[in-house]
């Protein structure tokens, strides 16, 4: 590649976040934020190539970079490293060590949710990185390429415009990923567990711009057999927006399908009706709990009874329109067998309207967390050191961490089948080349007791 080549790397994982089975290692989560920065640099005249670590070993990714006609010994600019998760810190540490040992390269690191607005903690964990960019990198990414300009880089926290027209071709092996389009940023709903609880939501991207990005992605992939993820911490379209987007979708004769994430009280049946005619196929709904007590503890809603009524109306509306619903559940501090039973009862009573359930116990992220808050709810944080940047917790005297995993798995299995799980994962996260036959093969290598779904074999036996 040319003299102005810039290499961007999204860190991978040394092991799967959840059960380390073969199909979990197939997950492909597009780092659309880093791709947005890559697109910015490309539009400013640089030759750009982006790589995602996924579940490859760091040395394996370095080989892929070298095999992509990139001579690391001749790079003029620092490697730009994105750390999207605390779980990827061990991978990042190993990668940076290899780069520093084998090449005379500088490394610039970033990752808004891991680094925040202070780089003191992360510096102690990965000292091999020459510069950490705190906050957002949107406006300073080109400046980061030039060490002589580093001292004038300022923290960007308020700049919240969405990335526009991502260039997917900049990503290595991009056709294995389903495309993402950022449609808004922020949330600001105040949920106690959310990192964006105080970040105001931006206006939703205009339908005309969204349609333009979809058509551009179709041209890059050279097919319309792709599924989009409309990226937003809280997808919050109004009825007029939904109608306008539907009109343009139909006018342009589009056939693509898409997915979004929202709250159960942020969408209405009327909006769902419009969006169903505009390609919406999967909705990830942040229910979090069906326990009145736990919803209050999370600060999820001030009217939990009304919240659950809206949730039921919404999932029924989605089912009627042929939209698959995946319900997200969070086992929160203070949880006990009674509150989990309440959530399970709600899920079972609405099972016919739900395609899948994802359940996770709450995790404490960040080295400066207020542990006293969780203690006040009856939970006990297991490790309060800052070694990893995250800590698990015993949810209560009644439920320890290991039991929370088992209870979470039970909730998922009470609703989700093998086919349900594959349908949801294949839509957005499994490689586009990964087929059902591959999935069935990988199931055989997994620990059946830890699967978050009921297999066909189990169902037949039952």
Protein backbone atom coordinates (compact mmCIF):
# COMPACT_ATOMS: atom_id res chain seq x y z
CA UNK A 1 0.00 0.00 0.00
CA UNK A 2 0.98 3.63 -0.40
CA UNK A 3 2.99 6.00 1.74
CA UNK A 4 -0.13 7.50 3.37
CA UNK A 5 -1.38 4.14 4.66
CA UNK A 6 -3.14 4.15 8.02
CA UNK A 7 -3.87 0.90 9.88
CA UNK A 8 -6.78 0.77 12.34
CA UNK A 9 -7.31 -2.20 14.64
CA UNK A 10 -10.34 -3.10 16.74
CA UNK A 11 -9.24 -5.29 19.63
CA UNK A 12 -10.42 -8.88 19.87
CA UNK A 13 -11.01 -11.37 22.66
CA UNK A 14 -8.75 -14.13 23.93
CA UNK A 15 -11.87 -16.04 24.98
CA UNK A 16 -15.59 -15.59 24.53
CA UNK A 17 -17.35 -13.27 26.97
CA UNK A 18 -19.97 -15.91 27.62
CA UNK A 19 -19.55 -19.67 27.28
CA UNK A 20 -16.45 -20.33 25.17
CA UNK A 21 -18.16 -22.60 22.65
CA UNK A 22 -17.52 -22.75 18.88
CA UNK A 23 -20.56 -20.75 17.78
CA UNK A 24 -19.97 -17.99 20.35
CA UNK A 25 -16.56 -17.54 18.77
CA UNK A 26 -18.34 -16.98 15.46
CA UNK A 27 -19.85 -13.67 16.62
CA UNK A 28 -18.92 -10.70 14.46
CA UNK A 29 -19.74 -7.34 16.07
CA UNK A 30 -18.91 -4.56 13.62
CA UNK A 31 -16.99 -1.75 15.35
CA UNK A 32 -18.91 0.87 13.41
CA UNK A 33 -17.40 3.69 15.47
CA UNK A 34 -13.89 2.78 14.36
CA UNK A 35 -15.13 2.28 10.80
CA UNK A 36 -16.58 5.78 11.01
CA UNK A 37 -13.16 7.15 11.94
CA UNK A 38 -11.57 5.11 9.15
CA UNK A 39 -14.05 6.62 6.70
CA UNK A 40 -13.19 10.14 7.92
CA UNK A 41 -9.49 9.51 7.22
CA UNK A 42 -10.19 7.97 3.83
CA UNK A 43 -12.25 11.00 2.85
CA UNK A 44 -9.26 13.20 3.76
CA UNK A 45 -6.98 11.42 1.32
CA UNK A 46 -5.38 8.65 3.37
CA UNK A 47 -5.09 5.02 2.31
CA UNK A 48 -6.93 3.21 5.08
CA UNK A 49 -7.33 -0.41 6.13
CA UNK A 50 -9.21 -1.58 9.21
CA UNK A 51 -8.94 -4.96 10.94
CA UNK A 52 -10.97 -6.55 13.72
CA UNK A 53 -9.31 -8.95 16.13
CA UNK A 54 -12.42 -11.04 16.80
CA UNK A 55 -11.26 -14.39 18.28
CA UNK A 56 -7.98 -14.53 16.42
CA UNK A 57 -4.80 -14.47 18.48
CA UNK A 58 -2.98 -11.12 18.26
CA UNK A 59 -0.09 -12.68 16.32
CA UNK A 60 -2.61 -14.12 13.85
CA UNK A 61 -4.07 -10.68 13.21
CA UNK A 62 -0.61 -9.21 12.68
CA UNK A 63 0.00 -11.87 10.03
CA UNK A 64 -3.29 -10.95 8.34
CA UNK A 65 -2.24 -7.30 8.30
CA UNK A 66 1.10 -8.20 6.72
CA UNK A 67 -0.59 -10.51 4.20
CA UNK A 68 -2.82 -7.59 3.18
CA UNK A 69 0.11 -5.93 1.39
CA UNK A 70 0.97 -3.76 4.40
CA UNK A 71 4.64 -3.48 5.37
CA UNK A 72 4.58 -2.65 9.07
CA UNK A 73 8.25 -1.70 8.94
CA UNK A 74 7.42 1.07 6.47
CA UNK A 75 4.33 2.54 8.13
CA UNK A 76 4.59 6.31 8.46
CA UNK A 77 1.73 6.74 10.93
CA UNK A 78 0.89 5.19 14.32
CA UNK A 79 -1.42 2.20 14.50
CA UNK A 80 -4.84 3.39 15.66
CA UNK A 81 -6.21 0.97 18.24
CA UNK A 82 -9.84 0.84 19.39
CA UNK A 83 -10.78 -0.90 22.65
CA UNK A 84 -14.58 -1.23 22.66
CA UNK A 85 -14.79 -3.43 25.77
CA UNK A 86 -13.02 -4.03 29.06
CA UNK A 87 -13.08 -7.73 28.15
CA UNK A 88 -10.68 -7.06 25.29
CA UNK A 89 -7.94 -5.51 27.45
CA UNK A 90 -5.86 -8.75 27.68
CA UNK A 91 -5.96 -9.03 23.88
CA UNK A 92 -4.96 -5.38 23.52
CA UNK A 93 -2.08 -5.79 25.96
CA UNK A 94 -0.70 -8.77 24.06
CA UNK A 95 -1.15 -7.09 20.66
CA UNK A 96 0.61 -3.90 21.74
CA UNK A 97 3.47 -5.91 23.23
CA UNK A 98 4.01 -7.73 19.93
CA UNK A 99 3.88 -4.52 17.91
CA UNK A 100 6.40 -2.79 20.16
CA UNK A 101 8.76 -5.77 20.24
CA UNK A 102 8.79 -6.39 16.51
CA UNK A 103 8.29 -2.97 14.89
CA UNK A 104 9.28 0.61 15.51
CA UNK A 105 5.72 1.86 15.53
CA UNK A 106 3.77 4.20 17.74
CA UNK A 107 0.30 3.22 18.93
CA UNK A 108 -2.63 5.55 19.55
CA UNK A 109 -5.43 4.03 21.61
CA UNK A 110 -9.05 4.98 22.13
CA UNK A 111 -12.39 3.60 23.21
CA UNK A 112 -14.92 5.93 24.74
CA UNK A 113 -16.61 3.46 27.09
CA UNK A 114 -13.36 1.98 28.43
CA UNK A 115 -11.18 5.08 28.70
CA UNK A 116 -13.83 7.69 29.49
CA UNK A 117 -12.54 11.21 30.08
CA UNK A 118 -9.37 10.17 31.92
CA UNK A 119 -6.47 8.05 30.69
CA UNK A 120 -4.71 7.53 34.03
CA UNK A 121 -6.07 4.04 34.72
CA UNK A 122 -5.64 2.68 31.20
CA UNK A 123 -2.05 3.97 31.04
CA UNK A 124 -1.13 1.69 33.93
CA UNK A 125 -2.69 -1.32 32.21
CA UNK A 126 -1.22 -0.92 28.71
CA UNK A 127 1.85 1.32 28.95
CA UNK A 128 2.89 0.27 25.44
CA UNK A 129 0.36 2.71 23.99
CA UNK A 130 2.00 6.06 23.22
CA UNK A 131 -1.16 8.19 23.30
CA UNK A 132 -4.64 7.64 24.64
CA UNK A 133 -7.49 9.66 23.18
CA UNK A 134 -10.16 10.28 25.79
CA UNK A 135 -13.75 11.01 24.93
CA UNK A 136 -14.76 11.00 21.26
CA UNK A 137 -12.19 10.86 18.49
CA UNK A 138 -14.37 12.22 15.70
CA UNK A 139 -12.73 15.63 15.44
CA UNK A 140 -9.15 14.74 16.42
CA UNK A 141 -8.49 11.49 14.58
CA UNK A 142 -6.31 13.06 11.87
CA UNK A 143 -4.39 15.04 14.48
CA UNK A 144 -3.63 11.74 16.24
CA UNK A 145 -1.55 10.63 13.25
CA UNK A 146 1.07 13.30 13.93
CA UNK A 147 2.99 13.05 17.26
CA UNK A 148 3.99 16.69 16.97
CA UNK A 149 0.32 17.65 17.33
CA UNK A 150 -0.55 15.38 20.25
CA UNK A 151 -0.16 18.02 22.95
CA UNK A 152 -2.88 20.16 21.38
CA UNK A 153 -5.47 17.35 21.32
CA UNK A 154 -8.43 18.17 23.56
CA UNK A 155 -10.97 15.80 25.06
CA UNK A 156 -14.09 15.61 22.93
CA UNK A 157 -17.19 14.74 24.93
CA UNK A 158 -19.94 16.95 23.55
CA UNK A 159 -19.49 16.32 19.84
CA UNK A 160 -22.26 13.83 19.14
CA UNK A 161 -23.03 13.94 15.42
CA UNK A 162 -23.57 10.55 13.79
CA UNK A 163 -21.16 9.05 11.32
CA UNK A 164 -22.42 9.29 7.76
CA UNK A 165 -21.93 6.86 4.85
CA UNK A 166 -19.49 4.34 6.30
CA UNK A 167 -17.10 2.85 3.76
CA UNK A 168 -17.40 -0.87 4.49
CA UNK A 169 -14.74 -1.75 1.93
CA UNK A 170 -12.11 -0.34 4.29
CA UNK A 171 -12.70 -3.29 6.63
CA UNK A 172 -10.79 -6.49 6.05
CA UNK A 173 -13.15 -9.28 4.94
CA UNK A 174 -16.07 -6.84 5.16
CA UNK A 175 -18.55 -9.05 3.33
CA UNK A 176 -18.58 -11.43 6.29
CA UNK A 177 -20.12 -8.67 8.40
CA UNK A 178 -23.65 -7.34 8.25
CA UNK A 179 -23.57 -3.54 7.79
CA UNK A 180 -24.46 -1.03 10.50
CA UNK A 181 -25.75 2.51 10.13
CA UNK A 182 -25.53 4.91 13.04
CA UNK A 183 -28.89 6.66 13.28
CA UNK A 184 -28.57 8.49 16.62
CA UNK A 185 -26.38 8.83 19.70
CA UNK A 186 -27.10 9.10 23.38
CA UNK A 187 -30.07 8.09 25.50
CA UNK A 188 -30.47 10.11 28.68
CA UNK A 189 -33.24 7.99 30.22
CA UNK A 190 -31.40 7.66 33.56
CA UNK A 191 -31.29 3.87 34.01
CA UNK A 192 -28.84 3.25 36.85
CA UNK A 193 -26.91 0.52 34.97
CA UNK A 194 -26.43 2.43 31.69
CA UNK A 195 -23.27 4.30 30.67
CA UNK A 196 -25.37 6.72 28.61
CA UNK A 197 -27.95 7.47 31.30
CA UNK A 198 -26.99 11.14 31.31
CA UNK A 199 -26.03 11.54 27.63
CA UNK A 200 -28.81 13.41 25.78
CA UNK A 201 -30.20 11.67 22.74
CA UNK A 202 -29.55 13.28 19.36
CA UNK A 203 -32.13 13.82 16.69
CA UNK A 204 -32.76 10.74 14.55
CA UNK A 205 -31.00 10.78 11.19
CA UNK A 206 -33.18 12.09 8.38
CA UNK A 207 -34.89 9.33 6.33
CA UNK A 208 -33.45 10.69 3.07
CA UNK A 209 -29.90 10.38 4.42
CA UNK A 210 -30.64 6.93 5.79
CA UNK A 211 -31.96 5.70 2.45
CA UNK A 212 -28.87 7.12 0.74
CA UNK A 213 -26.59 5.17 3.08
CA UNK A 214 -28.54 1.96 2.53
CA UNK A 215 -28.24 2.27 -1.24
CA UNK A 216 -24.53 3.03 -0.98
CA UNK A 217 -23.97 -0.08 1.15
CA UNK A 218 -25.89 -2.21 -1.35
CA UNK A 219 -23.50 -0.98 -4.05
CA UNK A 220 -20.46 -1.87 -1.90
CA UNK A 221 -21.74 -5.35 -1.07
CA UNK A 222 -22.95 -5.75 -4.64
CA UNK A 223 -26.17 -7.33 -3.44
CA UNK A 224 -29.26 -6.45 -1.42
CA UNK A 225 -29.20 -9.71 0.54
CA UNK A 226 -27.83 -7.92 3.58
CA UNK A 227 -29.30 -7.11 6.96
CA UNK A 228 -28.67 -3.72 8.50
CA UNK A 229 -28.42 -2.79 12.15
CA UNK A 230 -29.73 0.73 12.78
CA UNK A 231 -27.31 1.63 15.56
CA UNK A 232 -28.74 3.73 18.37
CA UNK A 233 -28.57 3.32 22.12
CA UNK A 234 -32.27 4.14 22.03
CA UNK A 235 -34.06 3.93 18.70
CA UNK A 236 -36.82 6.51 19.15
CA UNK A 237 -38.66 7.28 15.92
CA UNK A 238 -41.83 9.36 15.86
CA UNK A 239 -44.82 8.34 13.78
CA UNK A 240 -44.12 10.98 11.11
CA UNK A 241 -40.49 9.81 10.81
CA UNK A 242 -41.64 6.19 10.42
CA UNK A 243 -44.13 7.12 7.70
CA UNK A 244 -41.57 9.18 5.79
CA UNK A 245 -39.00 6.38 5.95
CA UNK A 246 -41.60 3.84 4.79
CA UNK A 247 -42.58 6.04 1.83
CA UNK A 248 -38.96 6.37 0.69
CA UNK A 249 -38.24 2.66 1.25
CA UNK A 250 -41.17 1.71 -0.98
CA UNK A 251 -40.39 4.41 -3.55
CA UNK A 252 -36.81 3.15 -3.90
CA UNK A 253 -38.07 -0.43 -4.22
CA UNK A 254 -35.80 -1.62 -1.42
CA UNK A 255 -35.87 -5.19 -0.14
CA UNK A 256 -33.30 -5.08 2.65
CA UNK A 257 -34.23 -6.04 6.23
CA UNK A 258 -33.02 -4.30 9.34
CA UNK A 259 -32.78 -4.49 13.12
CA UNK A 260 -32.82 -1.98 15.95
CA UNK A 261 -32.61 -1.74 19.73
CA UNK A 262 -35.11 0.14 21.83
CA UNK A 263 -37.06 0.29 25.08
CA UNK A 264 -40.45 -1.35 25.47
CA UNK A 265 -41.98 2.07 26.18
CA UNK A 266 -40.28 3.90 23.30
CA UNK A 267 -42.17 2.36 20.38
CA UNK A 268 -45.91 2.14 19.76
CA UNK A 269 -47.97 -0.36 17.73
CA UNK A 270 -48.72 2.43 15.23
CA UNK A 271 -45.02 3.08 14.65
CA UNK A 272 -44.31 -0.64 14.41
CA UNK A 273 -46.99 -0.98 11.72
CA UNK A 274 -45.25 1.63 9.57
CA UNK A 275 -41.74 0.28 10.11
CA UNK A 276 -42.78 -3.29 9.35
CA UNK A 277 -43.57 -2.12 5.81
CA UNK A 278 -40.12 -0.52 5.62
CA UNK A 279 -38.04 -3.63 6.27
CA UNK A 280 -37.93 -3.83 10.09
CA UNK A 281 -37.49 -7.51 10.93
CA UNK A 282 -35.88 -7.74 14.39
CA UNK A 283 -36.26 -5.59 17.50
CA UNK A 284 -34.02 -5.95 20.54
CA UNK A 285 -36.17 -4.79 23.43
CA UNK A 286 -34.65 -3.75 26.74
CA UNK A 287 -37.29 -5.11 29.08
CA UNK A 288 -34.62 -5.83 31.75
CA UNK A 289 -37.08 -7.28 34.27
CA UNK A 290 -40.75 -8.02 34.90
CA UNK A 291 -40.36 -7.55 38.64
CA UNK A 292 -41.90 -4.32 39.91
CA UNK A 293 -39.28 -4.09 42.64
CA UNK A 294 -36.34 -4.59 40.32
CA UNK A 295 -37.60 -2.16 37.70
CA UNK A 296 -37.72 0.49 40.42
CA UNK A 297 -34.24 -0.43 41.68
CA UNK A 298 -32.84 -0.02 38.15
CA UNK A 299 -34.60 3.32 37.78
CA UNK A 300 -35.94 1.86 34.56
CA UNK A 301 -39.36 3.41 35.01
CA UNK A 302 -41.40 5.32 37.57
CA UNK A 303 -44.57 3.45 36.57
CA UNK A 304 -43.58 -0.24 36.34
CA UNK A 305 -47.13 -1.57 35.99
CA UNK A 306 -47.78 0.69 32.99
CA UNK A 307 -44.33 -0.16 31.65
CA UNK A 308 -45.12 -3.89 31.60
CA UNK A 309 -48.49 -3.27 29.98
CA UNK A 310 -46.79 -1.30 27.19
CA UNK A 311 -44.24 -4.08 26.81
CA UNK A 312 -46.95 -6.64 26.26
CA UNK A 313 -48.80 -4.47 23.74
CA UNK A 314 -45.59 -3.85 21.83
CA UNK A 315 -44.43 -7.45 21.53
CA UNK A 316 -47.93 -8.46 20.41
CA UNK A 317 -47.86 -5.72 17.76
CA UNK A 318 -44.45 -6.90 16.55
CA UNK A 319 -45.65 -10.49 16.35
CA UNK A 320 -48.70 -9.43 14.35
CA UNK A 321 -46.47 -7.57 11.88
CA UNK A 322 -44.03 -10.48 11.47
CA UNK A 323 -41.23 -8.78 13.42
CA UNK A 324 -39.04 -10.98 15.61
CA UNK A 325 -38.57 -9.74 19.17
CA UNK A 326 -35.52 -10.50 21.27
CA UNK A 327 -36.05 -9.52 24.89
CA UNK A 328 -33.05 -8.39 26.93
CA UNK A 329 -33.16 -9.22 30.64
CA UNK A 330 -30.77 -7.93 33.27
CA UNK A 331 -30.42 -9.77 36.57
CA UNK A 332 -29.80 -6.81 38.83
CA UNK A 333 -28.47 -6.14 42.32
CA UNK A 334 -30.87 -7.35 45.00
CA UNK A 335 -32.38 -10.04 42.77
CA UNK A 336 -33.85 -13.07 44.55
CA UNK A 337 -35.70 -16.21 43.51
CA UNK A 338 -39.05 -14.44 43.81
CA UNK A 339 -38.14 -11.54 41.52
CA UNK A 340 -36.65 -13.90 38.94
CA UNK A 341 -39.78 -16.04 39.11
CA UNK A 342 -41.84 -12.92 38.34
CA UNK A 343 -39.77 -12.26 35.23
CA UNK A 344 -39.98 -15.90 34.16
CA UNK A 345 -43.75 -15.93 34.59
CA UNK A 346 -44.05 -12.83 32.38
CA UNK A 347 -41.82 -14.34 29.70
CA UNK A 348 -43.74 -17.63 29.67
CA UNK A 349 -47.10 -15.88 29.51
CA UNK A 350 -45.88 -14.01 26.42
CA UNK A 351 -43.78 -16.80 24.93
CA UNK A 352 -45.68 -16.96 21.64
CA UNK A 353 -44.75 -13.34 20.89
CA UNK A 354 -41.04 -13.63 21.75
CA UNK A 355 -38.39 -15.02 19.41
CA UNK A 356 -35.54 -15.04 21.90
CA UNK A 357 -34.25 -13.90 25.28
CA UNK A 358 -30.79 -12.66 26.22
CA UNK A 359 -30.07 -12.70 29.96
CA UNK A 360 -27.04 -11.25 31.73
CA UNK A 361 -26.26 -10.64 35.39
CA UNK A 362 -25.27 -7.04 36.07
CA UNK A 363 -21.54 -6.36 35.77
CA UNK A 364 -19.76 -3.41 37.37
CA UNK A 365 -17.74 -1.60 34.69
CA UNK A 366 -15.03 0.96 35.27
CA UNK A 367 -12.34 1.22 37.96
CA UNK A 368 -14.06 4.06 39.80
CA UNK A 369 -17.48 2.59 40.44
CA UNK A 370 -19.57 3.37 43.54
CA UNK A 371 -19.74 -0.08 45.10
CA UNK A 372 -21.71 1.22 48.09
CA UNK A 373 -24.73 1.70 45.84
CA UNK A 374 -24.86 -1.98 44.91
CA UNK A 375 -24.22 -3.00 48.50
CA UNK A 376 -27.22 -0.92 49.56
CA UNK A 377 -29.40 -3.05 47.28
CA UNK A 378 -28.18 -6.25 48.91
CA UNK A 379 -25.52 -7.23 46.39
CA UNK A 380 -21.84 -7.94 47.00
CA UNK A 381 -19.22 -7.04 44.43
CA UNK A 382 -16.86 -10.02 44.14
CA UNK A 383 -13.66 -8.19 43.21
CA UNK A 384 -13.27 -4.50 43.93
CA UNK A 385 -9.74 -4.29 42.56
CA UNK A 386 -9.08 -2.40 39.34
CA UNK A 387 -7.17 -5.26 37.74
CA UNK A 388 -9.63 -5.93 34.91
CA UNK A 389 -11.81 -2.85 34.84
CA UNK A 390 -14.93 -4.89 35.54
CA UNK A 391 -16.28 -6.96 38.41
CA UNK A 392 -19.00 -9.57 38.80
CA UNK A 393 -21.23 -9.66 41.83
CA UNK A 394 -23.30 -11.88 44.06
CA UNK A 395 -26.76 -10.45 43.45
CA UNK A 396 -27.98 -11.09 46.99
CA UNK A 397 -27.53 -13.40 49.96
CA UNK A 398 -29.90 -15.74 48.14
CA UNK A 399 -28.23 -15.72 44.69
CA UNK A 400 -24.47 -15.86 44.19
CA UNK A 401 -22.76 -15.15 40.89
CA UNK A 402 -22.59 -18.75 39.64
CA UNK A 403 -26.25 -19.28 40.45
CA UNK A 404 -27.16 -16.08 38.60
CA UNK A 405 -25.61 -17.56 35.45
CA UNK A 406 -27.63 -20.74 35.85
CA UNK A 407 -30.86 -18.87 36.52
CA UNK A 408 -30.21 -16.63 33.53
CA UNK A 409 -29.69 -19.64 31.31
CA UNK A 410 -32.93 -21.12 32.60
CA UNK A 411 -34.81 -17.95 31.66
CA UNK A 412 -33.42 -18.08 28.12
CA UNK A 413 -34.16 -21.78 27.71
CA UNK A 414 -37.73 -21.34 28.92
CA UNK A 415 -38.48 -19.36 25.77
CA UNK A 416 -35.82 -19.89 23.11
CA UNK A 417 -35.27 -22.85 20.80
CA UNK A 418 -32.23 -23.81 18.76
CA UNK A 419 -33.86 -22.44 15.60
CA UNK A 420 -34.85 -19.20 17.35
CA UNK A 421 -31.29 -18.62 18.51
CA UNK A 422 -29.79 -19.25 15.08
CA UNK A 423 -32.33 -17.01 13.34
CA UNK A 424 -31.49 -14.06 15.62
CA UNK A 425 -27.74 -14.56 15.53
CA UNK A 426 -27.61 -15.19 11.79
CA UNK A 427 -29.52 -11.99 11.10
CA UNK A 428 -26.84 -9.74 12.57
CA UNK A 429 -23.87 -11.43 14.18
CA UNK A 430 -22.82 -14.71 12.62
CA UNK A 431 -20.57 -14.39 9.55
CA UNK A 432 -22.63 -14.13 6.39
CA UNK A 433 -21.05 -17.35 5.16
CA UNK A 434 -21.92 -19.26 8.37
CA UNK A 435 -24.79 -21.61 7.66
CA UNK A 436 -27.24 -23.65 9.74
CA UNK A 437 -25.27 -26.81 9.03
CA UNK A 438 -22.18 -25.17 10.55
CA UNK A 439 -24.21 -24.21 13.60
CA UNK A 440 -25.51 -27.75 14.13
CA UNK A 441 -21.95 -29.06 13.85
CA UNK A 442 -20.74 -26.56 16.43
CA UNK A 443 -23.57 -27.38 18.85
CA UNK A 444 -22.20 -30.91 19.07
CA UNK A 445 -18.91 -29.54 20.38
CA UNK A 446 -20.55 -27.35 23.03
CA UNK A 447 -21.48 -28.12 26.61
CA UNK A 448 -25.19 -28.87 26.21
CA UNK A 449 -26.02 -27.86 29.80
CA UNK A 450 -24.71 -24.35 29.21
CA UNK A 451 -26.63 -23.67 25.98
CA UNK A 452 -29.04 -20.71 26.25
CA UNK A 453 -31.59 -22.53 24.10
CA UNK A 454 -33.34 -25.89 23.92
CA UNK A 455 -31.93 -28.10 21.18
CA UNK A 456 -34.12 -30.06 18.76
CA UNK A 457 -32.77 -33.22 20.37
CA UNK A 458 -33.86 -32.08 23.84
CA UNK A 459 -37.26 -30.97 22.58
CA UNK A 460 -37.87 -34.38 20.96
CA UNK A 461 -36.80 -36.16 24.13
CA UNK A 462 -39.02 -33.93 26.24
